[in-house]
Amino acid sequence: MRLDRIEREESVLVDVINCMRQRDLNDPSMTCQTVDVSEEGMQFSSELDIPVNTRLELRLDLETSLYRL
């Protein structure tokens, strides 16, 4: 079953917690843009290539709307 995706561009703060493939990516913070958000995930665009299995911390503030995910 495909869940509804909310297509919306919002700023998201991304902190790289652990990147095993590219150690030089560890600990940077960057502001990215969401592409869409759903109950099971979020797609965002970044200027950096982030390898699969990289642990991230994300902060997304939606002041104008309430979404239950």
N, C-alpha and C. Protein backbone atom coordinates (compact mmCIF):
# COMPACT_ATOMS: atom_id res chain seq x y z
N MET A 1 0.84 -1.19 0.00
CA MET A 1 0.00 0.00 0.00
C MET A 1 0.88 1.25 0.00
N ARG A 2 0.67 2.13 -0.93
CA ARG A 2 1.44 3.38 -1.00
C ARG A 2 0.76 4.42 -0.13
N LEU A 3 1.54 5.02 0.73
CA LEU A 3 1.03 6.06 1.62
C LEU A 3 1.07 7.41 0.92
N ASP A 4 0.20 8.30 1.35
CA ASP A 4 0.17 9.64 0.77
C ASP A 4 1.48 10.36 1.05
N ARG A 5 1.96 11.05 0.05
CA ARG A 5 3.16 11.86 0.20
C ARG A 5 2.75 13.32 0.11
N ILE A 6 3.31 14.12 0.98
CA ILE A 6 3.05 15.55 1.00
C ILE A 6 4.17 16.21 0.20
N GLU A 7 3.83 16.73 -0.98
CA GLU A 7 4.82 17.39 -1.81
C GLU A 7 4.89 18.85 -1.41
N ARG A 8 6.02 19.20 -0.79
CA ARG A 8 6.15 20.55 -0.26
C ARG A 8 7.63 20.86 -0.07
N GLU A 9 8.03 22.07 -0.42
CA GLU A 9 9.41 22.49 -0.21
C GLU A 9 9.51 23.26 1.10
N GLU A 10 10.30 22.71 2.00
CA GLU A 10 10.56 23.34 3.30
C GLU A 10 12.04 23.17 3.61
N SER A 11 12.58 24.08 4.37
CA SER A 11 13.97 23.93 4.81
C SER A 11 14.05 22.85 5.87
N VAL A 12 15.09 22.03 5.78
CA VAL A 12 15.34 21.00 6.77
C VAL A 12 16.81 21.08 7.14
N LEU A 13 17.08 21.09 8.45
CA LEU A 13 18.46 21.09 8.94
C LEU A 13 18.92 19.64 9.04
N VAL A 14 20.04 19.33 8.40
CA VAL A 14 20.56 17.97 8.35
C VAL A 14 21.94 17.94 9.00
N ASP A 15 22.09 17.08 10.00
CA ASP A 15 23.39 16.83 10.63
C ASP A 15 23.81 15.42 10.28
N VAL A 16 25.03 15.26 9.77
CA VAL A 16 25.55 13.92 9.50
C VAL A 16 26.12 13.39 10.81
N ILE A 17 25.54 12.30 11.31
CA ILE A 17 25.96 11.71 12.57
C ILE A 17 27.08 10.69 12.35
N ASN A 18 26.92 9.83 11.33
CA ASN A 18 27.92 8.80 11.08
C ASN A 18 27.87 8.39 9.61
N CYS A 19 28.98 8.54 8.94
CA CYS A 19 29.11 8.11 7.55
C CYS A 19 30.34 7.21 7.45
N MET A 20 30.11 5.90 7.31
CA MET A 20 31.21 4.94 7.26
C MET A 20 31.98 5.00 5.94
N ARG A 21 31.31 5.34 4.85
CA ARG A 21 31.96 5.33 3.53
C ARG A 21 32.81 6.56 3.27
N GLN A 22 32.41 7.70 3.83
CA GLN A 22 33.13 8.95 3.62
C GLN A 22 33.32 9.62 4.97
N ARG A 23 34.41 9.32 5.63
CA ARG A 23 34.66 9.86 6.98
C ARG A 23 34.70 11.38 7.01
N ASP A 24 35.07 12.01 5.92
CA ASP A 24 35.12 13.47 5.89
C ASP A 24 33.73 14.10 5.94
N LEU A 25 32.67 13.32 5.76
CA LEU A 25 31.30 13.84 5.87
C LEU A 25 30.81 13.88 7.31
N ASN A 26 31.49 13.24 8.24
CA ASN A 26 31.02 13.19 9.62
C ASN A 26 31.02 14.58 10.26
N ASP A 27 29.94 14.89 10.95
CA ASP A 27 29.73 16.09 11.76
C ASP A 27 29.38 17.39 11.03
N PRO A 28 29.24 17.43 9.71
CA PRO A 28 28.81 18.71 9.14
C PRO A 28 27.30 18.91 9.31
N SER A 29 26.91 20.16 9.34
CA SER A 29 25.49 20.53 9.34
C SER A 29 25.22 21.29 8.05
N MET A 30 24.04 21.07 7.49
CA MET A 30 23.69 21.77 6.26
C MET A 30 22.19 21.99 6.21
N THR A 31 21.79 22.99 5.49
CA THR A 31 20.37 23.24 5.27
C THR A 31 20.03 22.70 3.89
N CYS A 32 18.99 21.89 3.83
CA CYS A 32 18.54 21.27 2.59
C CYS A 32 17.07 21.63 2.36
N GLN A 33 16.52 21.19 1.25
CA GLN A 33 15.11 21.42 0.93
C GLN A 33 14.38 20.09 0.81
N THR A 34 13.22 20.00 1.44
CA THR A 34 12.41 18.80 1.28
C THR A 34 11.84 18.78 -0.13
N VAL A 35 11.62 17.58 -0.63
CA VAL A 35 10.91 17.37 -1.89
C VAL A 35 9.52 16.86 -1.56
N ASP A 36 9.47 15.82 -0.71
CA ASP A 36 8.19 15.34 -0.19
C ASP A 36 8.42 14.58 1.11
N VAL A 37 7.33 14.43 1.86
CA VAL A 37 7.36 13.80 3.18
C VAL A 37 6.18 12.84 3.27
N SER A 38 6.39 11.68 3.91
CA SER A 38 5.30 10.75 4.16
C SER A 38 5.49 10.13 5.53
N GLU A 39 4.59 9.25 5.89
CA GLU A 39 4.66 8.57 7.17
C GLU A 39 5.92 7.70 7.27
N GLU A 40 6.42 7.22 6.15
CA GLU A 40 7.56 6.30 6.16
C GLU A 40 8.87 6.92 5.70
N GLY A 41 8.89 8.18 5.37
CA GLY A 41 10.17 8.74 4.95
C GLY A 41 10.06 10.16 4.44
N MET A 42 11.22 10.69 4.08
CA MET A 42 11.30 12.05 3.57
C MET A 42 12.35 12.07 2.46
N GLN A 43 12.02 12.71 1.38
CA GLN A 43 12.99 12.93 0.32
C GLN A 43 13.40 14.39 0.40
N PHE A 44 14.71 14.62 0.37
CA PHE A 44 15.19 16.00 0.36
C PHE A 44 16.34 16.14 -0.62
N SER A 45 16.56 17.36 -1.07
CA SER A 45 17.68 17.61 -1.98
C SER A 45 18.82 18.24 -1.19
N SER A 46 20.03 17.85 -1.58
CA SER A 46 21.23 18.30 -0.89
C SER A 46 22.30 18.61 -1.92
N GLU A 47 23.18 19.54 -1.61
CA GLU A 47 24.30 19.82 -2.50
C GLU A 47 25.38 18.75 -2.40
N LEU A 48 25.37 17.97 -1.32
CA LEU A 48 26.34 16.88 -1.13
C LEU A 48 25.73 15.55 -1.52
N ASP A 49 26.56 14.65 -2.02
CA ASP A 49 26.13 13.27 -2.23
C ASP A 49 26.28 12.54 -0.90
N ILE A 50 25.16 12.09 -0.36
CA ILE A 50 25.16 11.39 0.92
C ILE A 50 25.01 9.91 0.64
N PRO A 51 26.02 9.09 1.02
CA PRO A 51 25.96 7.65 0.73
C PRO A 51 24.81 6.96 1.48
N VAL A 52 24.33 5.86 0.90
CA VAL A 52 23.32 5.02 1.53
C VAL A 52 23.88 4.54 2.87
N ASN A 53 23.01 4.37 3.85
CA ASN A 53 23.33 3.91 5.21
C ASN A 53 24.06 4.95 6.05
N THR A 54 24.07 6.20 5.63
CA THR A 54 24.62 7.27 6.44
C THR A 54 23.58 7.64 7.50
N ARG A 55 24.00 7.75 8.74
CA ARG A 55 23.07 8.12 9.82
C ARG A 55 22.98 9.64 9.88
N LEU A 56 21.74 10.13 9.81
CA LEU A 56 21.47 11.57 9.80
C LEU A 56 20.56 11.94 10.95
N GLU A 57 20.66 13.19 11.37
CA GLU A 57 19.69 13.78 12.29
C GLU A 57 19.01 14.90 11.50
N LEU A 58 17.68 14.91 11.51
CA LEU A 58 16.92 15.87 10.72
C LEU A 58 16.05 16.74 11.62
N ARG A 59 15.95 18.01 11.29
CA ARG A 59 15.03 18.90 11.99
C ARG A 59 14.20 19.62 10.95
N LEU A 60 12.89 19.44 11.07
CA LEU A 60 11.96 20.01 10.12
C LEU A 60 10.89 20.76 10.90
N ASP A 61 10.81 22.07 10.72
CA ASP A 61 9.81 22.89 11.39
C ASP A 61 8.78 23.35 10.38
N LEU A 62 7.52 22.96 10.59
CA LEU A 62 6.42 23.40 9.73
C LEU A 62 5.51 24.29 10.57
N GLU A 63 5.78 25.57 10.56
CA GLU A 63 5.05 26.51 11.42
C GLU A 63 3.63 26.75 10.95
N THR A 64 3.37 26.67 9.65
CA THR A 64 2.07 27.07 9.13
C THR A 64 1.07 25.93 9.05
N SER A 65 1.52 24.69 9.17
CA SER A 65 0.62 23.56 8.99
C SER A 65 0.95 22.44 9.97
N LEU A 66 -0.06 21.67 10.31
CA LEU A 66 0.13 20.50 11.16
C LEU A 66 -0.13 19.26 10.34
N TYR A 67 0.85 18.37 10.29
CA TYR A 67 0.73 17.11 9.59
C TYR A 67 0.98 15.99 10.59
N ARG A 68 0.12 15.02 10.59
CA ARG A 68 0.32 13.85 11.45
C ARG A 68 0.97 12.78 10.60
N LEU A 69 2.21 12.45 10.94
CA LEU A 69 2.97 11.46 10.16
C LEU A 69 3.22 10.23 10.99
